[in-house]
Amino acid sequence: MLLEKELREAIREIPDFPQPGVLFKDITPLFLRPRLVERCVEELSRHFRVRDVSKVVGIESRGFLLGPMIAQQLGAGFAIVRKKGKLPEIAASISYELEYGSATIEMAKDAIQPGDRVLIHDDLLATGGTAAATARLVEQVGAHVIGFAFLIVLEELGGRKALEPFGAPIVAILSYPR
């Protein structure tokens, strides 16, 4: 079976969660199918094997699920970006605008070094706000963003456009028009 079709079948759609009008893409059923998880990791890693990735950064919290496996496939270290106040030793933080308000993300001391070649991973790309803030955070510490890897892109929300300024490839297994 094609990877895209099998992954689409594994994702549960929950209407009006976490708020009315949102069709939430729940990836947790994916993890009941270990071979499918392995194929997703292989597919996302494949695009970056020749890019000399030194670190994969997983965005809280679902970027922590496949991120370490992608890092292992690429022979890279794994670092995390978390919401403000969740890390004990902070090297860098950045605030960014949300549709209603703002948020701050942080990176631990020594997670990323100047000159690191970083692949940013999350489960889903929607508006691109958090992924773009993560990329700015990576650049702020002197590292280079060499790509973005997502399971899913919600195309109509404009996330790809938000990531264009970084000039790095954006890879996703599934694309939803809505």
N, C-alpha and C. Protein backbone atom coordinates (compact mmCIF):
# COMPACT_ATOMS: atom_id res chain seq x y z
N MET A 1 0.85 -1.18 0.00
CA MET A 1 0.00 0.00 0.00
C MET A 1 0.89 1.24 0.00
N LEU A 2 0.48 2.25 -0.72
CA LEU A 2 1.24 3.49 -0.74
C LEU A 2 1.30 4.11 0.64
N LEU A 3 2.47 4.66 0.97
CA LEU A 3 2.67 5.26 2.29
C LEU A 3 1.63 6.34 2.57
N GLU A 4 1.39 7.22 1.61
CA GLU A 4 0.45 8.32 1.83
C GLU A 4 -0.94 7.80 2.17
N LYS A 5 -1.39 6.80 1.44
CA LYS A 5 -2.72 6.24 1.67
C LYS A 5 -2.80 5.58 3.04
N GLU A 6 -1.78 4.81 3.39
CA GLU A 6 -1.78 4.12 4.68
C GLU A 6 -1.72 5.11 5.84
N LEU A 7 -0.92 6.16 5.69
CA LEU A 7 -0.82 7.18 6.74
C LEU A 7 -2.15 7.92 6.89
N ARG A 8 -2.74 8.29 5.76
CA ARG A 8 -4.03 9.00 5.80
C ARG A 8 -5.09 8.16 6.53
N GLU A 9 -5.07 6.85 6.30
CA GLU A 9 -6.02 5.96 6.97
C GLU A 9 -5.74 5.83 8.47
N ALA A 10 -4.49 6.01 8.87
CA ALA A 10 -4.11 5.88 10.29
C ALA A 10 -4.44 7.14 11.09
N ILE A 11 -4.56 8.27 10.43
CA ILE A 11 -4.82 9.53 11.13
C ILE A 11 -6.31 9.67 11.41
N ARG A 12 -6.60 9.95 12.66
CA ARG A 12 -7.99 10.14 13.09
C ARG A 12 -8.32 11.63 13.00
N GLU A 13 -9.46 11.96 12.42
CA GLU A 13 -9.90 13.35 12.33
C GLU A 13 -10.99 13.60 13.37
N ILE A 14 -10.77 14.62 14.20
CA ILE A 14 -11.70 14.93 15.28
C ILE A 14 -12.27 16.33 15.04
N PRO A 15 -13.56 16.42 14.69
CA PRO A 15 -14.15 17.73 14.42
C PRO A 15 -14.31 18.57 15.68
N ASP A 16 -14.17 19.87 15.48
CA ASP A 16 -14.39 20.87 16.54
C ASP A 16 -13.49 20.67 17.77
N PHE A 17 -12.25 20.24 17.52
CA PHE A 17 -11.28 20.11 18.60
C PHE A 17 -9.98 20.77 18.15
N PRO A 18 -9.37 21.58 18.95
CA PRO A 18 -9.68 21.94 20.33
C PRO A 18 -10.71 23.06 20.45
N GLN A 19 -11.21 23.53 19.30
CA GLN A 19 -12.24 24.57 19.34
C GLN A 19 -13.15 24.40 18.13
N PRO A 20 -14.35 24.98 18.17
CA PRO A 20 -15.28 24.85 17.05
C PRO A 20 -14.66 25.30 15.73
N GLY A 21 -14.93 24.53 14.68
CA GLY A 21 -14.44 24.86 13.36
C GLY A 21 -13.10 24.24 13.00
N VAL A 22 -12.43 23.63 13.96
CA VAL A 22 -11.13 22.99 13.71
C VAL A 22 -11.35 21.50 13.50
N LEU A 23 -10.72 20.95 12.46
CA LEU A 23 -10.74 19.50 12.22
C LEU A 23 -9.36 18.98 12.62
N PHE A 24 -9.23 18.51 13.85
CA PHE A 24 -7.96 18.09 14.44
C PHE A 24 -7.47 16.80 13.79
N LYS A 25 -6.19 16.77 13.43
CA LYS A 25 -5.55 15.57 12.87
C LYS A 25 -4.81 14.88 14.01
N ASP A 26 -5.36 13.78 14.48
CA ASP A 26 -4.78 13.02 15.59
C ASP A 26 -3.86 11.94 15.03
N ILE A 27 -2.56 12.09 15.26
CA ILE A 27 -1.59 11.13 14.73
C ILE A 27 -1.34 9.95 15.67
N THR A 28 -1.91 9.97 16.87
CA THR A 28 -1.58 8.91 17.84
C THR A 28 -1.90 7.50 17.35
N PRO A 29 -2.95 7.26 16.54
CA PRO A 29 -3.16 5.89 16.04
C PRO A 29 -2.00 5.37 15.18
N LEU A 30 -1.25 6.27 14.59
CA LEU A 30 -0.07 5.88 13.81
C LEU A 30 0.87 5.00 14.64
N PHE A 31 1.01 5.32 15.92
CA PHE A 31 1.98 4.64 16.77
C PHE A 31 1.54 3.25 17.21
N LEU A 32 0.35 2.84 16.80
CA LEU A 32 -0.10 1.47 17.01
C LEU A 32 0.37 0.57 15.87
N ARG A 33 1.00 1.18 14.87
CA ARG A 33 1.45 0.45 13.67
C ARG A 33 2.95 0.68 13.49
N PRO A 34 3.79 -0.11 14.16
CA PRO A 34 5.23 0.14 14.15
C PRO A 34 5.87 0.15 12.77
N ARG A 35 5.42 -0.70 11.86
CA ARG A 35 6.01 -0.70 10.51
C ARG A 35 5.67 0.59 9.78
N LEU A 36 4.48 1.12 9.99
CA LEU A 36 4.10 2.39 9.36
C LEU A 36 4.94 3.54 9.94
N VAL A 37 5.17 3.52 11.24
CA VAL A 37 6.04 4.53 11.86
C VAL A 37 7.42 4.47 11.21
N GLU A 38 7.95 3.27 11.08
CA GLU A 38 9.28 3.08 10.48
C GLU A 38 9.32 3.63 9.06
N ARG A 39 8.29 3.36 8.27
CA ARG A 39 8.24 3.85 6.89
C ARG A 39 8.16 5.37 6.84
N CYS A 40 7.41 5.98 7.76
CA CYS A 40 7.33 7.45 7.82
C CYS A 40 8.69 8.05 8.15
N VAL A 41 9.37 7.47 9.13
CA VAL A 41 10.70 7.96 9.51
C VAL A 41 11.66 7.83 8.34
N GLU A 42 11.63 6.69 7.66
CA GLU A 42 12.49 6.48 6.50
C GLU A 42 12.22 7.52 5.41
N GLU A 43 10.95 7.77 5.14
CA GLU A 43 10.58 8.73 4.09
C GLU A 43 11.03 10.14 4.44
N LEU A 44 10.80 10.58 5.67
CA LEU A 44 11.21 11.94 6.05
C LEU A 44 12.73 12.06 6.08
N SER A 45 13.42 11.02 6.50
CA SER A 45 14.88 11.04 6.57
C SER A 45 15.52 11.03 5.19
N ARG A 46 14.92 10.28 4.28
CA ARG A 46 15.47 10.08 2.93
C ARG A 46 15.82 11.40 2.25
N HIS A 47 15.01 12.39 2.42
CA HIS A 47 15.20 13.67 1.74
C HIS A 47 16.40 14.45 2.27
N PHE A 48 16.90 14.08 3.44
CA PHE A 48 17.95 14.88 4.07
C PHE A 48 19.25 14.11 4.28
N ARG A 49 19.36 12.89 3.75
CA ARG A 49 20.57 12.08 3.95
C ARG A 49 21.83 12.75 3.42
N VAL A 50 21.72 13.47 2.33
CA VAL A 50 22.90 14.11 1.73
C VAL A 50 23.08 15.55 2.20
N ARG A 51 22.32 15.98 3.17
CA ARG A 51 22.37 17.38 3.63
C ARG A 51 23.28 17.58 4.84
N ASP A 52 23.96 16.53 5.29
CA ASP A 52 24.91 16.63 6.41
C ASP A 52 24.26 17.26 7.65
N VAL A 53 23.15 16.69 8.08
CA VAL A 53 22.42 17.18 9.25
C VAL A 53 23.22 16.84 10.51
N SER A 54 23.46 17.84 11.36
CA SER A 54 24.14 17.56 12.63
C SER A 54 23.16 17.50 13.79
N LYS A 55 22.00 18.18 13.67
CA LYS A 55 20.98 18.14 14.72
C LYS A 55 19.59 18.13 14.09
N VAL A 56 18.71 17.38 14.71
CA VAL A 56 17.28 17.46 14.41
C VAL A 56 16.65 18.14 15.62
N VAL A 57 15.85 19.17 15.37
CA VAL A 57 15.15 19.86 16.45
C VAL A 57 13.67 19.49 16.37
N GLY A 58 13.17 18.92 17.45
CA GLY A 58 11.75 18.57 17.56
C GLY A 58 11.00 19.65 18.29
N ILE A 59 9.86 20.05 17.72
CA ILE A 59 9.02 21.09 18.31
C ILE A 59 8.01 20.44 19.26
N GLU A 60 7.87 21.02 20.45
CA GLU A 60 6.95 20.49 21.47
C GLU A 60 5.53 20.40 20.93
N SER A 61 4.85 19.35 21.18
CA SER A 61 5.32 18.12 21.80
C SER A 61 5.33 16.96 20.82
N ARG A 62 4.53 17.05 19.77
CA ARG A 62 4.48 15.91 18.86
C ARG A 62 5.72 15.80 17.98
N GLY A 63 6.52 16.85 17.92
CA GLY A 63 7.81 16.75 17.23
C GLY A 63 8.80 15.89 17.99
N PHE A 64 8.46 15.58 19.25
CA PHE A 64 9.32 14.72 20.07
C PHE A 64 9.11 13.24 19.75
N LEU A 65 8.04 12.90 19.03
CA LEU A 65 7.71 11.50 18.79
C LEU A 65 8.57 10.88 17.69
N LEU A 66 8.59 11.49 16.51
CA LEU A 66 9.39 10.96 15.41
C LEU A 66 10.77 11.60 15.33
N GLY A 67 10.92 12.78 15.92
CA GLY A 67 12.19 13.50 15.83
C GLY A 67 13.41 12.69 16.22
N PRO A 68 13.41 12.00 17.37
CA PRO A 68 14.59 11.21 17.74
C PRO A 68 14.88 10.08 16.75
N MET A 69 13.82 9.50 16.18
CA MET A 69 14.01 8.42 15.20
C MET A 69 14.60 8.97 13.90
N ILE A 70 14.15 10.15 13.49
CA ILE A 70 14.72 10.79 12.30
C ILE A 70 16.19 11.11 12.56
N ALA A 71 16.49 11.65 13.73
CA ALA A 71 17.88 11.96 14.08
C ALA A 71 18.74 10.71 14.03
N GLN A 72 18.24 9.63 14.57
CA GLN A 72 19.00 8.38 14.56
C GLN A 72 19.26 7.92 13.13
N GLN A 73 18.25 7.99 12.26
CA GLN A 73 18.41 7.61 10.85
C GLN A 73 19.49 8.45 10.17
N LEU A 74 19.59 9.72 10.57
CA LEU A 74 20.53 10.64 9.94
C LEU A 74 21.88 10.70 10.65
N GLY A 75 22.03 9.97 11.75
CA GLY A 75 23.28 10.01 12.51
C GLY A 75 23.51 11.37 13.14
N ALA A 76 22.42 12.02 13.54
CA ALA A 76 22.47 13.38 14.08
C ALA A 76 22.03 13.37 15.54
N GLY A 77 22.35 14.44 16.25
CA GLY A 77 21.84 14.62 17.60
C GLY A 77 20.40 15.10 17.55
N PHE A 78 19.72 15.02 18.69
CA PHE A 78 18.34 15.48 18.77
C PHE A 78 18.22 16.52 19.87
N ALA A 79 17.60 17.64 19.54
CA ALA A 79 17.38 18.73 20.49
C ALA A 79 15.90 19.08 20.48
N ILE A 80 15.45 19.72 21.56
CA ILE A 80 14.04 20.06 21.65
C ILE A 80 13.85 21.56 21.83
N VAL A 81 12.71 22.03 21.33
CA VAL A 81 12.25 23.39 21.56
C VAL A 81 10.95 23.26 22.34
N ARG A 82 10.87 23.99 23.47
CA ARG A 82 9.70 23.87 24.34
C ARG A 82 9.08 25.22 24.61
N LYS A 83 7.86 25.17 25.11
CA LYS A 83 7.18 26.39 25.54
C LYS A 83 7.92 26.98 26.73
N LYS A 84 7.77 28.27 26.90
CA LYS A 84 8.44 29.00 27.97
C LYS A 84 8.20 28.35 29.34
N GLY A 85 9.29 28.26 30.12
CA GLY A 85 9.19 27.77 31.48
C GLY A 85 9.31 26.27 31.66
N LYS A 86 9.60 25.52 30.59
CA LYS A 86 9.65 24.06 30.68
C LYS A 86 11.08 23.51 30.72
N LEU A 87 12.08 24.37 30.51
CA LEU A 87 13.48 23.91 30.50
C LEU A 87 14.26 24.57 31.63
N PRO A 88 15.17 23.83 32.27
CA PRO A 88 15.91 24.39 33.41
C PRO A 88 17.02 25.37 33.04
N GLU A 89 17.78 25.10 31.99
CA GLU A 89 18.87 25.99 31.58
C GLU A 89 18.62 26.45 30.16
N ILE A 90 18.28 27.71 30.01
CA ILE A 90 17.88 28.24 28.72
C ILE A 90 19.05 28.95 28.05
N ALA A 91 19.30 28.59 26.79
CA ALA A 91 20.34 29.26 26.02
C ALA A 91 19.75 30.39 25.21
N ALA A 92 18.54 30.17 24.71
CA ALA A 92 17.93 31.16 23.83
C ALA A 92 16.42 31.02 23.89
N SER A 93 15.74 32.14 23.67
CA SER A 93 14.28 32.12 23.60
C SER A 93 13.84 33.15 22.57
N ILE A 94 12.63 32.95 22.07
CA ILE A 94 12.09 33.88 21.09
C ILE A 94 10.57 33.91 21.27
N SER A 95 10.00 35.10 21.14
CA SER A 95 8.55 35.26 21.20
C SER A 95 8.03 35.47 19.79
N TYR A 96 6.82 35.03 19.54
CA TYR A 96 6.22 35.18 18.22
C TYR A 96 4.72 35.36 18.38
N GLU A 97 4.12 35.90 17.34
CA GLU A 97 2.69 36.22 17.36
C GLU A 97 1.85 35.01 16.96
N LEU A 98 0.76 34.85 17.67
CA LEU A 98 -0.25 33.86 17.34
C LEU A 98 -1.49 34.60 16.83
N GLU A 99 -2.47 33.86 16.36
CA GLU A 99 -3.69 34.50 15.88
C GLU A 99 -4.33 35.36 16.97
N TYR A 100 -4.31 34.85 18.20
CA TYR A 100 -4.87 35.59 19.33
C TYR A 100 -3.84 35.66 20.44
N GLY A 101 -2.88 36.57 20.34
CA GLY A 101 -1.88 36.73 21.39
C GLY A 101 -0.48 36.41 20.91
N SER A 102 0.34 35.93 21.84
CA SER A 102 1.72 35.59 21.50
C SER A 102 2.16 34.39 22.32
N ALA A 103 3.31 33.84 21.94
CA ALA A 103 3.88 32.69 22.65
C ALA A 103 5.39 32.85 22.65
N THR A 104 6.04 32.13 23.54
CA THR A 104 7.50 32.12 23.61
C THR A 104 7.96 30.67 23.63
N ILE A 105 9.01 30.39 22.84
CA ILE A 105 9.63 29.07 22.87
C ILE A 105 11.07 29.23 23.32
N GLU A 106 11.60 28.14 23.87
CA GLU A 106 12.96 28.18 24.42
C GLU A 106 13.73 26.93 24.01
N MET A 107 15.06 27.10 24.01
CA MET A 107 15.97 26.00 23.72
C MET A 107 16.96 25.88 24.87
N ALA A 108 17.28 24.65 25.23
CA ALA A 108 18.20 24.41 26.34
C ALA A 108 19.63 24.82 26.00
N LYS A 109 20.35 25.18 27.03
CA LYS A 109 21.76 25.50 26.91
C LYS A 109 22.48 24.30 26.29
N ASP A 110 23.36 24.56 25.35
CA ASP A 110 24.17 23.54 24.66
C ASP A 110 23.39 22.61 23.73
N ALA A 111 22.12 22.88 23.48
CA ALA A 111 21.34 22.02 22.57
C ALA A 111 21.82 22.16 21.13
N ILE A 112 22.07 23.38 20.71
CA ILE A 112 22.51 23.68 19.35
C ILE A 112 23.78 24.51 19.45
N GLN A 113 24.75 24.19 18.61
CA GLN A 113 26.02 24.92 18.60
C GLN A 113 26.10 25.79 17.34
N PRO A 114 26.84 26.89 17.40
CA PRO A 114 27.08 27.67 16.19
C PRO A 114 27.65 26.75 15.10
N GLY A 115 27.14 26.89 13.90
CA GLY A 115 27.60 26.07 12.78
C GLY A 115 26.84 24.77 12.59
N ASP A 116 26.03 24.36 13.57
CA ASP A 116 25.23 23.14 13.39
C ASP A 116 24.33 23.29 12.17
N ARG A 117 24.09 22.15 11.52
CA ARG A 117 23.18 22.09 10.37
C ARG A 117 21.91 21.39 10.86
N VAL A 118 20.83 22.16 10.93
CA VAL A 118 19.64 21.74 11.68
C VAL A 118 18.46 21.44 10.76
N LEU A 119 17.84 20.29 11.01
CA LEU A 119 16.57 19.91 10.41
C LEU A 119 15.50 20.11 11.47
N ILE A 120 14.48 20.88 11.16
CA ILE A 120 13.39 21.16 12.10
C ILE A 120 12.23 20.22 11.79
N HIS A 121 11.72 19.56 12.84
CA HIS A 121 10.65 18.58 12.66
C HIS A 121 9.47 18.85 13.59
N ASP A 122 8.28 18.70 13.03
CA ASP A 122 7.05 18.67 13.82
C ASP A 122 6.08 17.76 13.09
N ASP A 123 5.01 17.39 13.75
CA ASP A 123 4.05 16.49 13.11
C ASP A 123 3.26 17.18 12.02
N LEU A 124 2.96 18.48 12.21
CA LEU A 124 2.04 19.15 11.32
C LEU A 124 2.45 20.60 11.08
N LEU A 125 2.36 21.03 9.83
CA LEU A 125 2.59 22.43 9.48
C LEU A 125 1.24 23.05 9.16
N ALA A 126 0.86 24.06 9.94
CA ALA A 126 -0.40 24.78 9.70
C ALA A 126 -0.04 26.19 9.24
N THR A 127 -0.04 27.16 10.13
CA THR A 127 0.28 28.54 9.75
C THR A 127 1.78 28.77 9.63
N GLY A 128 2.57 27.90 10.24
CA GLY A 128 4.02 28.03 10.17
C GLY A 128 4.62 28.90 11.25
N GLY A 129 3.80 29.46 12.13
CA GLY A 129 4.31 30.38 13.15
C GLY A 129 5.33 29.76 14.08
N THR A 130 5.04 28.58 14.60
CA THR A 130 5.96 27.94 15.54
C THR A 130 7.21 27.44 14.82
N ALA A 131 7.05 26.87 13.63
CA ALA A 131 8.21 26.39 12.88
C ALA A 131 9.12 27.55 12.48
N ALA A 132 8.53 28.68 12.07
CA ALA A 132 9.33 29.86 11.71
C ALA A 132 10.05 30.42 12.94
N ALA A 133 9.36 30.46 14.08
CA ALA A 133 10.00 30.93 15.31
C ALA A 133 11.15 30.00 15.70
N THR A 134 10.96 28.70 15.52
CA THR A 134 12.02 27.74 15.81
C THR A 134 13.21 27.98 14.89
N ALA A 135 12.96 28.23 13.62
CA ALA A 135 14.04 28.51 12.67
C ALA A 135 14.80 29.78 13.07
N ARG A 136 14.08 30.81 13.48
CA ARG A 136 14.74 32.04 13.94
C ARG A 136 15.57 31.78 15.19
N LEU A 137 15.07 30.94 16.07
CA LEU A 137 15.80 30.58 17.28
C LEU A 137 17.10 29.84 16.93
N VAL A 138 17.02 28.92 15.99
CA VAL A 138 18.20 28.18 15.52
C VAL A 138 19.22 29.15 14.94
N GLU A 139 18.76 30.07 14.11
CA GLU A 139 19.67 31.06 13.51
C GLU A 139 20.24 32.00 14.57
N GLN A 140 19.45 32.32 15.58
CA GLN A 140 19.87 33.22 16.65
C GLN A 140 21.11 32.69 17.37
N VAL A 141 21.24 31.36 17.48
CA VAL A 141 22.41 30.79 18.16
C VAL A 141 23.54 30.47 17.18
N GLY A 142 23.39 30.89 15.92
CA GLY A 142 24.47 30.75 14.95
C GLY A 142 24.47 29.45 14.16
N ALA A 143 23.38 28.70 14.20
CA ALA A 143 23.28 27.46 13.43
C ALA A 143 22.54 27.74 12.12
N HIS A 144 22.51 26.73 11.25
CA HIS A 144 21.91 26.87 9.92
C HIS A 144 20.71 25.93 9.77
N VAL A 145 19.60 26.46 9.32
CA VAL A 145 18.41 25.65 9.04
C VAL A 145 18.59 25.06 7.65
N ILE A 146 18.63 23.73 7.57
CA ILE A 146 18.83 23.10 6.26
C ILE A 146 17.57 22.39 5.77
N GLY A 147 16.50 22.40 6.57
CA GLY A 147 15.26 21.80 6.11
C GLY A 147 14.21 21.71 7.19
N PHE A 148 12.99 21.42 6.73
CA PHE A 148 11.83 21.22 7.59
C PHE A 148 11.17 19.90 7.19
N ALA A 149 10.81 19.08 8.17
CA ALA A 149 10.17 17.79 7.89
C ALA A 149 8.89 17.67 8.72
N PHE A 150 7.78 17.40 8.04
CA PHE A 150 6.48 17.27 8.68
C PHE A 150 5.78 16.01 8.18
N LEU A 151 4.95 15.42 9.01
CA LEU A 151 4.08 14.35 8.53
C LEU A 151 3.00 14.94 7.63
N ILE A 152 2.44 16.08 8.06
CA ILE A 152 1.25 16.65 7.43
C ILE A 152 1.44 18.14 7.20
N VAL A 153 0.94 18.62 6.06
CA VAL A 153 0.84 20.06 5.80
C VAL A 153 -0.62 20.38 5.51
N LEU A 154 -1.15 21.37 6.22
CA LEU A 154 -2.49 21.90 5.94
C LEU A 154 -2.29 23.09 5.01
N GLU A 155 -2.37 22.86 3.73
CA GLU A 155 -1.95 23.83 2.71
C GLU A 155 -2.67 25.17 2.80
N GLU A 156 -3.97 25.15 3.07
CA GLU A 156 -4.74 26.40 3.03
C GLU A 156 -4.37 27.39 4.14
N LEU A 157 -3.58 26.94 5.13
CA LEU A 157 -3.24 27.83 6.24
C LEU A 157 -1.93 28.60 6.03
N GLY A 158 -1.24 28.34 4.91
CA GLY A 158 -0.12 29.19 4.51
C GLY A 158 1.22 28.94 5.18
N GLY A 159 1.39 27.81 5.81
CA GLY A 159 2.65 27.53 6.50
C GLY A 159 3.87 27.50 5.61
N ARG A 160 3.73 26.97 4.40
CA ARG A 160 4.88 26.93 3.48
C ARG A 160 5.39 28.34 3.20
N LYS A 161 4.47 29.26 2.99
CA LYS A 161 4.86 30.65 2.70
C LYS A 161 5.60 31.26 3.89
N ALA A 162 5.18 30.94 5.10
CA ALA A 162 5.84 31.47 6.30
C ALA A 162 7.27 30.96 6.43
N LEU A 163 7.56 29.80 5.83
CA LEU A 163 8.90 29.21 5.94
C LEU A 163 9.80 29.55 4.75
N GLU A 164 9.24 30.11 3.69
CA GLU A 164 10.02 30.46 2.50
C GLU A 164 11.24 31.32 2.79
N PRO A 165 11.16 32.32 3.69
CA PRO A 165 12.33 33.17 3.92
C PRO A 165 13.58 32.41 4.38
N PHE A 166 13.43 31.19 4.86
CA PHE A 166 14.58 30.44 5.34
C PHE A 166 15.30 29.70 4.22
N GLY A 167 14.69 29.65 3.03
CA GLY A 167 15.35 29.07 1.87
C GLY A 167 15.72 27.61 2.02
N ALA A 168 14.98 26.88 2.83
CA ALA A 168 15.28 25.47 3.08
C ALA A 168 14.13 24.60 2.57
N PRO A 169 14.44 23.38 2.14
CA PRO A 169 13.37 22.50 1.65
C PRO A 169 12.35 22.16 2.75
N ILE A 170 11.10 22.04 2.32
CA ILE A 170 10.00 21.67 3.22
C ILE A 170 9.46 20.34 2.71
N VAL A 171 9.57 19.31 3.53
CA VAL A 171 9.15 17.97 3.14
C VAL A 171 7.98 17.54 4.02
N ALA A 172 6.96 16.97 3.39
CA ALA A 172 5.82 16.42 4.13
C ALA A 172 5.34 15.17 3.41
N ILE A 173 4.82 14.23 4.16
CA ILE A 173 4.29 13.02 3.55
C ILE A 173 2.87 13.25 3.05
N LEU A 174 2.05 13.94 3.84
CA LEU A 174 0.66 14.20 3.46
C LEU A 174 0.40 15.68 3.33
N SER A 175 -0.45 16.01 2.37
CA SER A 175 -0.88 17.39 2.18
C SER A 175 -2.40 17.39 2.16
N TYR A 176 -2.98 18.23 3.00
CA TYR A 176 -4.43 18.37 3.04
C TYR A 176 -4.80 19.75 2.49
N PRO A 177 -5.78 19.79 1.58
CA PRO A 177 -6.22 21.09 1.08
C PRO A 177 -6.95 21.88 2.15
N ARG A 178 -7.51 21.20 3.16
CA ARG A 178 -8.18 21.89 4.27
C ARG A 178 -7.92 21.16 5.57
